[in-house]
All heavy atoms as atom14 arrays in JSON, in Angstrom:
{
  "sequence": "IPFEKRGMVVGLLEVAWAASMLIGIPLIGYAIEKWGWRSPFIILG",
  "atom14_mask": [
    [1, 1, 1, 1, 1, 1, 1, 1, 0, 0, 0, 0, 0, 0],
    [1, 1, 1, 1, 1, 1, 1, 0, 0, 0, 0, 0, 0, 0],
    [1, 1, 1, 1, 1, 1, 1, 1, 1, 1, 1, 0, 0, 0],
    [1, 1, 1, 1, 1, 1, 1, 1, 1, 0, 0, 0, 0, 0],
    [1, 1, 1, 1, 1, 1, 1, 1, 1, 0, 0, 0, 0, 0],
    [1, 1, 1, 1, 1, 1, 1, 1, 1, 1, 1, 0, 0, 0],
    [1, 1, 1, 1, 0, 0, 0, 0, 0, 0, 0, 0, 0, 0],
    [1, 1, 1, 1, 1, 1, 1, 1, 0, 0, 0, 0, 0, 0],
    [1, 1, 1, 1, 1, 1, 1, 0, 0, 0, 0, 0, 0, 0],
    [1, 1, 1, 1, 1, 1, 1, 0, 0, 0, 0, 0, 0, 0],
    [1, 1, 1, 1, 0, 0, 0, 0, 0, 0, 0, 0, 0, 0],
    [1, 1, 1, 1, 1, 1, 1, 1, 0, 0, 0, 0, 0, 0],
    [1, 1, 1, 1, 1, 1, 1, 1, 0, 0, 0, 0, 0, 0],
    [1, 1, 1, 1, 1, 1, 1, 1, 1, 0, 0, 0, 0, 0],
    [1, 1, 1, 1, 1, 1, 1, 0, 0, 0, 0, 0, 0, 0],
    [1, 1, 1, 1, 1, 0, 0, 0, 0, 0, 0, 0, 0, 0],
    [1, 1, 1, 1, 1, 1, 1, 1, 1, 1, 1, 1, 1, 1],
    [1, 1, 1, 1, 1, 0, 0, 0, 0, 0, 0, 0, 0, 0],
    [1, 1, 1, 1, 1, 0, 0, 0, 0, 0, 0, 0, 0, 0],
    [1, 1, 1, 1, 1, 1, 0, 0, 0, 0, 0, 0, 0, 0],
    [1, 1, 1, 1, 1, 1, 1, 1, 0, 0, 0, 0, 0, 0],
    [1, 1, 1, 1, 1, 1, 1, 1, 0, 0, 0, 0, 0, 0],
    [1, 1, 1, 1, 1, 1, 1, 1, 0, 0, 0, 0, 0, 0],
    [1, 1, 1, 1, 0, 0, 0, 0, 0, 0, 0, 0, 0, 0],
    [1, 1, 1, 1, 1, 1, 1, 1, 0, 0, 0, 0, 0, 0],
    [1, 1, 1, 1, 1, 1, 1, 0, 0, 0, 0, 0, 0, 0],
    [1, 1, 1, 1, 1, 1, 1, 1, 0, 0, 0, 0, 0, 0],
    [1, 1, 1, 1, 1, 1, 1, 1, 0, 0, 0, 0, 0, 0],
    [1, 1, 1, 1, 0, 0, 0, 0, 0, 0, 0, 0, 0, 0],
    [1, 1, 1, 1, 1, 1, 1, 1, 1, 1, 1, 1, 0, 0],
    [1, 1, 1, 1, 1, 0, 0, 0, 0, 0, 0, 0, 0, 0],
    [1, 1, 1, 1, 1, 1, 1, 1, 0, 0, 0, 0, 0, 0],
    [1, 1, 1, 1, 1, 1, 1, 1, 1, 0, 0, 0, 0, 0],
    [1, 1, 1, 1, 1, 1, 1, 1, 1, 0, 0, 0, 0, 0],
    [1, 1, 1, 1, 1, 1, 1, 1, 1, 1, 1, 1, 1, 1],
    [1, 1, 1, 1, 0, 0, 0, 0, 0, 0, 0, 0, 0, 0],
    [1, 1, 1, 1, 1, 1, 1, 1, 1, 1, 1, 1, 1, 1],
    [1, 1, 1, 1, 1, 1, 1, 1, 1, 1, 1, 0, 0, 0],
    [1, 1, 1, 1, 1, 1, 0, 0, 0, 0, 0, 0, 0, 0],
    [1, 1, 1, 1, 1, 1, 1, 0, 0, 0, 0, 0, 0, 0],
    [1, 1, 1, 1, 1, 1, 1, 1, 1, 1, 1, 0, 0, 0],
    [1, 1, 1, 1, 1, 1, 1, 1, 0, 0, 0, 0, 0, 0],
    [1, 1, 1, 1, 1, 1, 1, 1, 0, 0, 0, 0, 0, 0],
    [1, 1, 1, 1, 1, 1, 1, 1, 0, 0, 0, 0, 0, 0],
    [1, 1, 1, 1, 0, 0, 0, 0, 0, 0, 0, 0, 0, 0]
  ],
  "atom14_positions": [
    [[21.93, 3.89, -7.13], [22.07, 2.52, -7.39], [22.62, 2.28, -8.78], [22.19, 2.81, -9.86], [20.68, 1.85, -7.32], [20.05, 2.09, -5.95], [20.73, 0.37, -7.56], [20.9, 1.52, -4.76], [0.0, 0.0, 0.0], [0.0, 0.0, 0.0], [0.0, 0.0, 0.0], [0.0, 0.0, 0.0], [0.0, 0.0, 0.0], [0.0, 0.0, 0.0]],
    [[23.77, 1.44, -8.92], [24.24, 1.13, -10.2], [23.27, 0.44, -11.16], [22.34, -0.3, -10.67], [25.39, 0.18, -9.82], [25.74, 0.34, -8.43], [24.45, 0.75, -7.85], [0.0, 0.0, 0.0], [0.0, 0.0, 0.0], [0.0, 0.0, 0.0], [0.0, 0.0, 0.0], [0.0, 0.0, 0.0], [0.0, 0.0, 0.0], [0.0, 0.0, 0.0]],
    [[23.38, 0.69, -12.49], [22.37, 0.26, -13.44], [22.2, -1.26, -13.45], [21.2, -1.86, -13.55], [22.76, 0.72, -14.85], [21.82, 0.19, -15.91], [20.52, 0.76, -16.03], [22.14, -0.8, -16.8], [19.6, 0.35, -16.89], [21.27, -1.13, -17.74], [20.01, -0.59, -17.93], [0.0, 0.0, 0.0], [0.0, 0.0, 0.0], [0.0, 0.0, 0.0]],
    [[23.34, -1.97, -13.16], [23.41, -3.55, -13.08], [22.5, -4.04, -12.03], [22.01, -5.22, -12.01], [24.81, -3.98, -12.96], [25.74, -3.76, -14.13], [26.12, -2.26, -14.26], [25.98, -1.52, -13.17], [26.48, -1.81, -15.34], [0.0, 0.0, 0.0], [0.0, 0.0, 0.0], [0.0, 0.0, 0.0], [0.0, 0.0, 0.0], [0.0, 0.0, 0.0]],
    [[22.18, -3.19, -10.92], [21.36, -3.71, -9.85], [19.95, -2.89, -9.86], [19.24, -3.17, -8.87], [22.01, -3.51, -8.47], [23.29, -4.3, -8.4], [23.92, -4.06, -7.01], [25.26, -4.88, -6.86], [25.89, -4.74, -5.63], [0.0, 0.0, 0.0], [0.0, 0.0, 0.0], [0.0, 0.0, 0.0], [0.0, 0.0, 0.0], [0.0, 0.0, 0.0]],
    [[19.79, -2.15, -10.83], [18.59, -1.21, -10.85], [17.3, -1.98, -10.88], [16.28, -1.67, -10.16], [18.66, -0.32, -12.06], [17.87, 1.02, -11.93], [18.6, 2.04, -11.14], [19.86, 2.4, -11.54], [20.27, 3.1, -12.52], [19.43, 3.61, -13.28], [21.65, 3.38, -12.64], [0.0, 0.0, 0.0], [0.0, 0.0, 0.0], [0.0, 0.0, 0.0]],
    [[17.2, -3.05, -11.77], [15.96, -3.76, -11.73], [15.64, -4.44, -10.39], [14.49, -4.52, -9.93], [0.0, 0.0, 0.0], [0.0, 0.0, 0.0], [0.0, 0.0, 0.0], [0.0, 0.0, 0.0], [0.0, 0.0, 0.0], [0.0, 0.0, 0.0], [0.0, 0.0, 0.0], [0.0, 0.0, 0.0], [0.0, 0.0, 0.0], [0.0, 0.0, 0.0]],
    [[16.69, -5.01, -9.71], [16.45, -5.6, -8.42], [15.94, -4.61, -7.35], [14.95, -4.71, -6.72], [17.7, -6.23, -7.86], [17.63, -6.86, -6.57], [19.25, -7.32, -5.79], [19.98, -5.89, -5.53], [0.0, 0.0, 0.0], [0.0, 0.0, 0.0], [0.0, 0.0, 0.0], [0.0, 0.0, 0.0], [0.0, 0.0, 0.0], [0.0, 0.0, 0.0]],
    [[16.56, -3.44, -7.33], [16.2, -2.37, -6.31], [14.89, -1.76, -6.58], [13.98, -1.63, -5.69], [17.34, -1.31, -6.22], [16.83, -0.13, -5.29], [18.65, -1.93, -5.69], [0.0, 0.0, 0.0], [0.0, 0.0, 0.0], [0.0, 0.0, 0.0], [0.0, 0.0, 0.0], [0.0, 0.0, 0.0], [0.0, 0.0, 0.0], [0.0, 0.0, 0.0]],
    [[14.66, -1.49, -7.85], [13.33, -0.9, -8.15], [12.17, -1.98, -7.87], [11.14, -1.56, -7.42], [13.31, -0.41, -9.64], [11.84, -0.07, -10.06], [14.23, 0.76, -9.76], [0.0, 0.0, 0.0], [0.0, 0.0, 0.0], [0.0, 0.0, 0.0], [0.0, 0.0, 0.0], [0.0, 0.0, 0.0], [0.0, 0.0, 0.0], [0.0, 0.0, 0.0]],
    [[12.51, -3.21, -8.14], [11.51, -4.28, -7.99], [11.23, -4.36, -6.43], [10.07, -4.49, -5.97], [0.0, 0.0, 0.0], [0.0, 0.0, 0.0], [0.0, 0.0, 0.0], [0.0, 0.0, 0.0], [0.0, 0.0, 0.0], [0.0, 0.0, 0.0], [0.0, 0.0, 0.0], [0.0, 0.0, 0.0], [0.0, 0.0, 0.0], [0.0, 0.0, 0.0]],
    [[12.21, -4.24, -5.66], [11.99, -4.29, -4.16], [11.25, -3.05, -3.73], [10.42, -3.09, -2.82], [13.36, -4.41, -3.46], [14.11, -5.82, -3.71], [15.5, -5.74, -3.0], [13.14, -6.95, -3.14], [0.0, 0.0, 0.0], [0.0, 0.0, 0.0], [0.0, 0.0, 0.0], [0.0, 0.0, 0.0], [0.0, 0.0, 0.0], [0.0, 0.0, 0.0]],
    [[11.65, -1.84, -4.21], [10.89, -0.66, -3.92], [9.42, -0.72, -4.26], [8.57, -0.16, -3.51], [11.57, 0.5, -4.56], [11.25, 1.93, -4.08], [11.7, 2.19, -2.65], [11.9, 2.93, -5.0], [0.0, 0.0, 0.0], [0.0, 0.0, 0.0], [0.0, 0.0, 0.0], [0.0, 0.0, 0.0], [0.0, 0.0, 0.0], [0.0, 0.0, 0.0]],
    [[9.17, -1.3, -5.4], [7.75, -1.37, -5.76], [6.85, -2.36, -4.98], [5.77, -2.43, -5.26], [7.78, -1.78, -7.3], [8.22, -0.68, -8.26], [7.19, 0.5, -8.3], [6.06, 0.34, -8.16], [7.76, 1.63, -8.18], [0.0, 0.0, 0.0], [0.0, 0.0, 0.0], [0.0, 0.0, 0.0], [0.0, 0.0, 0.0], [0.0, 0.0, 0.0]],
    [[7.49, -3.03, -3.99], [6.67, -3.82, -3.12], [5.59, -2.93, -2.45], [4.5, -3.34, -2.08], [7.57, -4.5, -1.95], [6.73, -5.13, -0.86], [8.41, -5.64, -2.61], [0.0, 0.0, 0.0], [0.0, 0.0, 0.0], [0.0, 0.0, 0.0], [0.0, 0.0, 0.0], [0.0, 0.0, 0.0], [0.0, 0.0, 0.0], [0.0, 0.0, 0.0]],
    [[5.85, -1.6, -2.29], [4.9, -0.74, -1.64], [3.73, -0.69, -2.52], [2.58, -0.46, -2.01], [5.57, 0.67, -1.61], [0.0, 0.0, 0.0], [0.0, 0.0, 0.0], [0.0, 0.0, 0.0], [0.0, 0.0, 0.0], [0.0, 0.0, 0.0], [0.0, 0.0, 0.0], [0.0, 0.0, 0.0], [0.0, 0.0, 0.0], [0.0, 0.0, 0.0]],
    [[3.79, -0.94, -3.81], [2.58, -0.81, -4.72], [1.87, -2.1, -4.49], [0.6, -2.12, -4.36], [3.07, -0.75, -6.14], [2.01, -0.71, -7.16], [1.59, -1.62, -8.07], [1.16, 0.43, -7.49], [0.6, -1.25, -8.82], [0.33, 0.02, -8.53], [1.08, 1.7, -6.98], [-0.62, 0.9, -9.11], [0.19, 2.58, -7.55], [-0.68, 2.13, -8.67]],
    [[2.45, -3.29, -4.42], [1.74, -4.51, -4.2], [1.16, -4.49, -2.84], [-0.02, -5.03, -2.62], [2.71, -5.7, -4.39], [0.0, 0.0, 0.0], [0.0, 0.0, 0.0], [0.0, 0.0, 0.0], [0.0, 0.0, 0.0], [0.0, 0.0, 0.0], [0.0, 0.0, 0.0], [0.0, 0.0, 0.0], [0.0, 0.0, 0.0], [0.0, 0.0, 0.0]],
    [[1.86, -4.08, -1.84], [1.4, -4.14, -0.44], [0.15, -3.25, -0.28], [-0.64, -3.46, 0.61], [2.55, -3.69, 0.49], [0.0, 0.0, 0.0], [0.0, 0.0, 0.0], [0.0, 0.0, 0.0], [0.0, 0.0, 0.0], [0.0, 0.0, 0.0], [0.0, 0.0, 0.0], [0.0, 0.0, 0.0], [0.0, 0.0, 0.0], [0.0, 0.0, 0.0]],
    [[0.01, -2.21, -1.16], [-1.14, -1.39, -1.04], [-2.45, -2.21, -1.33], [-3.51, -1.88, -0.74], [-1.03, -0.17, -1.94], [-1.07, -0.59, -3.23], [0.0, 0.0, 0.0], [0.0, 0.0, 0.0], [0.0, 0.0, 0.0], [0.0, 0.0, 0.0], [0.0, 0.0, 0.0], [0.0, 0.0, 0.0], [0.0, 0.0, 0.0], [0.0, 0.0, 0.0]],
    [[-2.37, -3.07, -2.19], [-3.59, -3.95, -2.49], [-3.56, -5.17, -1.57], [-4.63, -5.61, -1.14], [-3.47, -4.4, -3.96], [-3.7, -3.27, -4.9], [-5.36, -2.41, -4.8], [-6.4, -3.55, -5.63], [0.0, 0.0, 0.0], [0.0, 0.0, 0.0], [0.0, 0.0, 0.0], [0.0, 0.0, 0.0], [0.0, 0.0, 0.0], [0.0, 0.0, 0.0]],
    [[-2.39, -5.75, -1.32], [-2.38, -6.9, -0.55], [-2.64, -6.78, 0.95], [-3.32, -7.59, 1.65], [-0.98, -7.59, -0.63], [-0.69, -8.92, -0.05], [-1.72, -10.06, -0.7], [0.7, -9.55, -0.16], [0.0, 0.0, 0.0], [0.0, 0.0, 0.0], [0.0, 0.0, 0.0], [0.0, 0.0, 0.0], [0.0, 0.0, 0.0], [0.0, 0.0, 0.0]],
    [[-2.28, -5.69, 1.53], [-2.44, -5.31, 2.9], [-3.32, -4.1, 3.12], [-4.24, -4.16, 3.9], [-1.06, -5.04, 3.63], [-0.19, -6.23, 3.44], [-1.23, -4.72, 5.1], [1.26, -6.03, 3.91], [0.0, 0.0, 0.0], [0.0, 0.0, 0.0], [0.0, 0.0, 0.0], [0.0, 0.0, 0.0], [0.0, 0.0, 0.0], [0.0, 0.0, 0.0]],
    [[-3.03, -3.01, 2.3], [-3.78, -1.74, 2.69], [-5.21, -1.83, 2.26], [-6.1, -1.45, 3.11], [0.0, 0.0, 0.0], [0.0, 0.0, 0.0], [0.0, 0.0, 0.0], [0.0, 0.0, 0.0], [0.0, 0.0, 0.0], [0.0, 0.0, 0.0], [0.0, 0.0, 0.0], [0.0, 0.0, 0.0], [0.0, 0.0, 0.0], [0.0, 0.0, 0.0]],
    [[-5.58, -2.32, 1.11], [-7.03, -2.41, 0.68], [-7.89, -3.18, 1.59], [-8.94, -2.84, 1.96], [-7.07, -2.7, -0.88], [-6.33, -1.66, -1.56], [-8.65, -2.78, -1.25], [-6.81, -0.27, -1.56], [0.0, 0.0, 0.0], [0.0, 0.0, 0.0], [0.0, 0.0, 0.0], [0.0, 0.0, 0.0], [0.0, 0.0, 0.0], [0.0, 0.0, 0.0]],
    [[-7.42, -4.49, 1.94], [-8.26, -5.24, 2.86], [-8.43, -4.5, 4.18], [-9.55, -4.55, 4.78], [-7.41, -6.54, 3.05], [-6.62, -6.73, 1.81], [-6.38, -5.32, 1.33], [0.0, 0.0, 0.0], [0.0, 0.0, 0.0], [0.0, 0.0, 0.0], [0.0, 0.0, 0.0], [0.0, 0.0, 0.0], [0.0, 0.0, 0.0], [0.0, 0.0, 0.0]],
    [[-7.44, -3.79, 4.67], [-7.6, -3.1, 5.91], [-8.52, -1.81, 5.78], [-9.32, -1.54, 6.67], [-6.23, -2.5, 6.47], [-5.3, -3.63, 6.95], [-3.92, -2.94, 7.27], [-5.92, -4.3, 8.16], [0.0, 0.0, 0.0], [0.0, 0.0, 0.0], [0.0, 0.0, 0.0], [0.0, 0.0, 0.0], [0.0, 0.0, 0.0], [0.0, 0.0, 0.0]],
    [[-8.49, -1.27, 4.54], [-9.46, -0.18, 4.25], [-10.83, -0.77, 4.17], [-11.8, -0.11, 4.69], [-9.16, 0.51, 2.96], [-7.83, 1.19, 2.89], [-10.26, 1.36, 2.45], [-7.76, 2.4, 3.89], [0.0, 0.0, 0.0], [0.0, 0.0, 0.0], [0.0, 0.0, 0.0], [0.0, 0.0, 0.0], [0.0, 0.0, 0.0], [0.0, 0.0, 0.0]],
    [[-11.07, -2.02, 3.71], [-12.3, -2.64, 3.73], [-12.89, -2.77, 5.15], [-14.04, -2.62, 5.4], [0.0, 0.0, 0.0], [0.0, 0.0, 0.0], [0.0, 0.0, 0.0], [0.0, 0.0, 0.0], [0.0, 0.0, 0.0], [0.0, 0.0, 0.0], [0.0, 0.0, 0.0], [0.0, 0.0, 0.0], [0.0, 0.0, 0.0], [0.0, 0.0, 0.0]],
    [[-11.96, -3.29, 6.0], [-12.31, -3.49, 7.33], [-12.7, -2.18, 8.03], [-13.7, -2.05, 8.74], [-11.21, -4.01, 8.18], [-11.42, -4.21, 9.65], [-12.16, -5.24, 10.14], [-10.92, -3.31, 10.5], [-12.44, -5.41, 11.44], [-11.05, -3.35, 11.82], [-11.92, -4.49, 12.33], [-12.03, -4.62, 13.68], [0.0, 0.0, 0.0], [0.0, 0.0, 0.0]],
    [[-11.95, -1.12, 7.81], [-12.2, 0.24, 8.33], [-13.56, 0.78, 7.89], [-14.31, 1.27, 8.75], [-11.05, 1.17, 8.03], [0.0, 0.0, 0.0], [0.0, 0.0, 0.0], [0.0, 0.0, 0.0], [0.0, 0.0, 0.0], [0.0, 0.0, 0.0], [0.0, 0.0, 0.0], [0.0, 0.0, 0.0], [0.0, 0.0, 0.0], [0.0, 0.0, 0.0]],
    [[-13.85, 0.6, 6.65], [-15.15, 1.06, 6.05], [-16.33, 0.3, 6.69], [-17.28, 1.0, 7.14], [-15.17, 0.92, 4.64], [-14.17, 1.88, 3.9], [-16.59, 1.22, 4.06], [-14.08, 1.79, 2.37], [0.0, 0.0, 0.0], [0.0, 0.0, 0.0], [0.0, 0.0, 0.0], [0.0, 0.0, 0.0], [0.0, 0.0, 0.0], [0.0, 0.0, 0.0]],
    [[-16.22, -0.98, 6.85], [-17.21, -1.76, 7.39], [-17.46, -1.42, 8.9], [-18.47, -1.48, 9.42], [-16.9, -3.29, 7.27], [-18.17, -4.12, 7.46], [-17.86, -5.54, 6.89], [-16.94, -6.2, 7.31], [-18.74, -6.0, 6.05], [0.0, 0.0, 0.0], [0.0, 0.0, 0.0], [0.0, 0.0, 0.0], [0.0, 0.0, 0.0], [0.0, 0.0, 0.0]],
    [[-16.29, -1.11, 9.55], [-16.4, -0.81, 11.04], [-16.79, 0.59, 11.25], [-17.64, 0.97, 12.23], [-15.01, -1.17, 11.66], [-14.91, -1.05, 13.14], [-15.31, -2.35, 13.78], [-15.0, -2.3, 15.26], [-15.48, -3.65, 15.88], [0.0, 0.0, 0.0], [0.0, 0.0, 0.0], [0.0, 0.0, 0.0], [0.0, 0.0, 0.0], [0.0, 0.0, 0.0]],
    [[-16.25, 1.54, 10.65], [-16.43, 2.98, 10.87], [-17.04, 3.9, 9.89], [-17.14, 5.03, 10.12], [-15.05, 3.6, 11.36], [-14.5, 2.98, 12.57], [-14.97, 2.77, 13.85], [-13.16, 2.22, 12.61], [-14.13, 2.07, 14.6], [-13.0, 1.67, 13.9], [-12.22, 1.87, 11.7], [-11.96, 0.91, 14.32], [-11.02, 1.2, 12.06], [-10.96, 0.77, 13.43]],
    [[-17.36, 3.28, 8.72], [-17.94, 4.05, 7.7], [-16.97, 4.56, 6.56], [-15.7, 4.36, 6.73], [0.0, 0.0, 0.0], [0.0, 0.0, 0.0], [0.0, 0.0, 0.0], [0.0, 0.0, 0.0], [0.0, 0.0, 0.0], [0.0, 0.0, 0.0], [0.0, 0.0, 0.0], [0.0, 0.0, 0.0], [0.0, 0.0, 0.0], [0.0, 0.0, 0.0]],
    [[-17.51, 5.04, 5.47], [-16.63, 5.21, 4.27], [-15.75, 6.41, 4.47], [-14.79, 6.64, 3.68], [-17.62, 5.55, 2.99], [-18.39, 6.76, 3.14], [-19.68, 6.94, 3.73], [-18.0, 8.08, 2.76], [-20.09, 8.24, 3.66], [-19.05, 8.9, 3.09], [-16.87, 8.61, 2.08], [-18.93, 10.39, 2.71], [-16.81, 9.88, 1.83], [-17.92, 10.85, 2.19]],
    [[-15.87, 7.24, 5.51], [-15.03, 8.36, 5.65], [-13.73, 7.92, 6.4], [-12.79, 8.75, 6.36], [-15.78, 9.49, 6.42], [-17.02, 10.12, 5.8], [-17.92, 10.79, 6.83], [-17.19, 11.91, 7.46], [-17.75, 12.63, 8.45], [-19.01, 12.42, 8.79], [-17.02, 13.63, 9.03], [0.0, 0.0, 0.0], [0.0, 0.0, 0.0], [0.0, 0.0, 0.0]],
    [[-13.81, 6.95, 7.15], [-12.64, 6.57, 7.95], [-11.32, 6.44, 7.19], [-10.26, 6.79, 7.8], [-12.99, 5.23, 8.67], [-13.13, 4.23, 7.79], [0.0, 0.0, 0.0], [0.0, 0.0, 0.0], [0.0, 0.0, 0.0], [0.0, 0.0, 0.0], [0.0, 0.0, 0.0], [0.0, 0.0, 0.0], [0.0, 0.0, 0.0], [0.0, 0.0, 0.0]],
    [[-11.26, 5.9, 6.02], [-9.84, 5.75, 5.31], [-9.27, 7.15, 5.16], [-8.03, 7.25, 5.22], [-10.32, 5.21, 3.95], [-11.57, 4.43, 4.19], [-12.35, 5.27, 5.18], [0.0, 0.0, 0.0], [0.0, 0.0, 0.0], [0.0, 0.0, 0.0], [0.0, 0.0, 0.0], [0.0, 0.0, 0.0], [0.0, 0.0, 0.0], [0.0, 0.0, 0.0]],
    [[-10.09, 8.18, 4.76], [-9.43, 9.47, 4.64], [-8.68, 9.99, 5.83], [-7.67, 10.49, 5.82], [-10.49, 10.41, 4.11], [-11.12, 10.23, 2.82], [-12.33, 9.33, 2.64], [-10.62, 10.81, 1.75], [-12.81, 9.16, 1.33], [-11.08, 10.61, 0.42], [-12.22, 9.75, 0.38], [0.0, 0.0, 0.0], [0.0, 0.0, 0.0], [0.0, 0.0, 0.0]],
    [[-9.39, 9.86, 6.99], [-8.81, 10.41, 8.28], [-7.62, 9.52, 8.75], [-6.59, 10.08, 9.08], [-9.9, 10.34, 9.33], [-11.05, 11.3, 8.9], [-9.4, 10.75, 10.73], [-12.35, 11.25, 9.83], [0.0, 0.0, 0.0], [0.0, 0.0, 0.0], [0.0, 0.0, 0.0], [0.0, 0.0, 0.0], [0.0, 0.0, 0.0], [0.0, 0.0, 0.0]],
    [[-7.8, 8.22, 8.56], [-6.66, 7.35, 9.04], [-5.44, 7.57, 8.14], [-4.3, 7.83, 8.65], [-7.02, 5.87, 9.02], [-8.14, 5.55, 10.05], [-5.9, 4.94, 9.22], [-8.79, 4.12, 9.82], [0.0, 0.0, 0.0], [0.0, 0.0, 0.0], [0.0, 0.0, 0.0], [0.0, 0.0, 0.0], [0.0, 0.0, 0.0], [0.0, 0.0, 0.0]],
    [[-5.59, 7.58, 6.91], [-4.53, 7.75, 6.0], [-3.84, 9.18, 6.09], [-2.68, 9.41, 5.93], [-4.91, 7.55, 4.49], [-5.2, 6.06, 4.2], [-5.92, 5.89, 2.87], [-3.91, 5.25, 4.24], [0.0, 0.0, 0.0], [0.0, 0.0, 0.0], [0.0, 0.0, 0.0], [0.0, 0.0, 0.0], [0.0, 0.0, 0.0], [0.0, 0.0, 0.0]],
    [[-4.76, 10.18, 6.31], [-4.22, 11.53, 6.53], [-3.31, 11.58, 7.7], [-2.23, 12.31, 7.54], [0.0, 0.0, 0.0], [0.0, 0.0, 0.0], [0.0, 0.0, 0.0], [0.0, 0.0, 0.0], [0.0, 0.0, 0.0], [0.0, 0.0, 0.0], [0.0, 0.0, 0.0], [0.0, 0.0, 0.0], [0.0, 0.0, 0.0], [0.0, 0.0, 0.0]]
  ]
}
């Protein structure tokens, strides 16, 4: 990616970081409440 567009592309790529808290962690909370604290390890694996 050219340097002039690097901030834009890295910013879009980093959506994975925000999504981990915005989407992933609430789903982990649901999984723990439904199946127990071990479930995130197995699902994510």
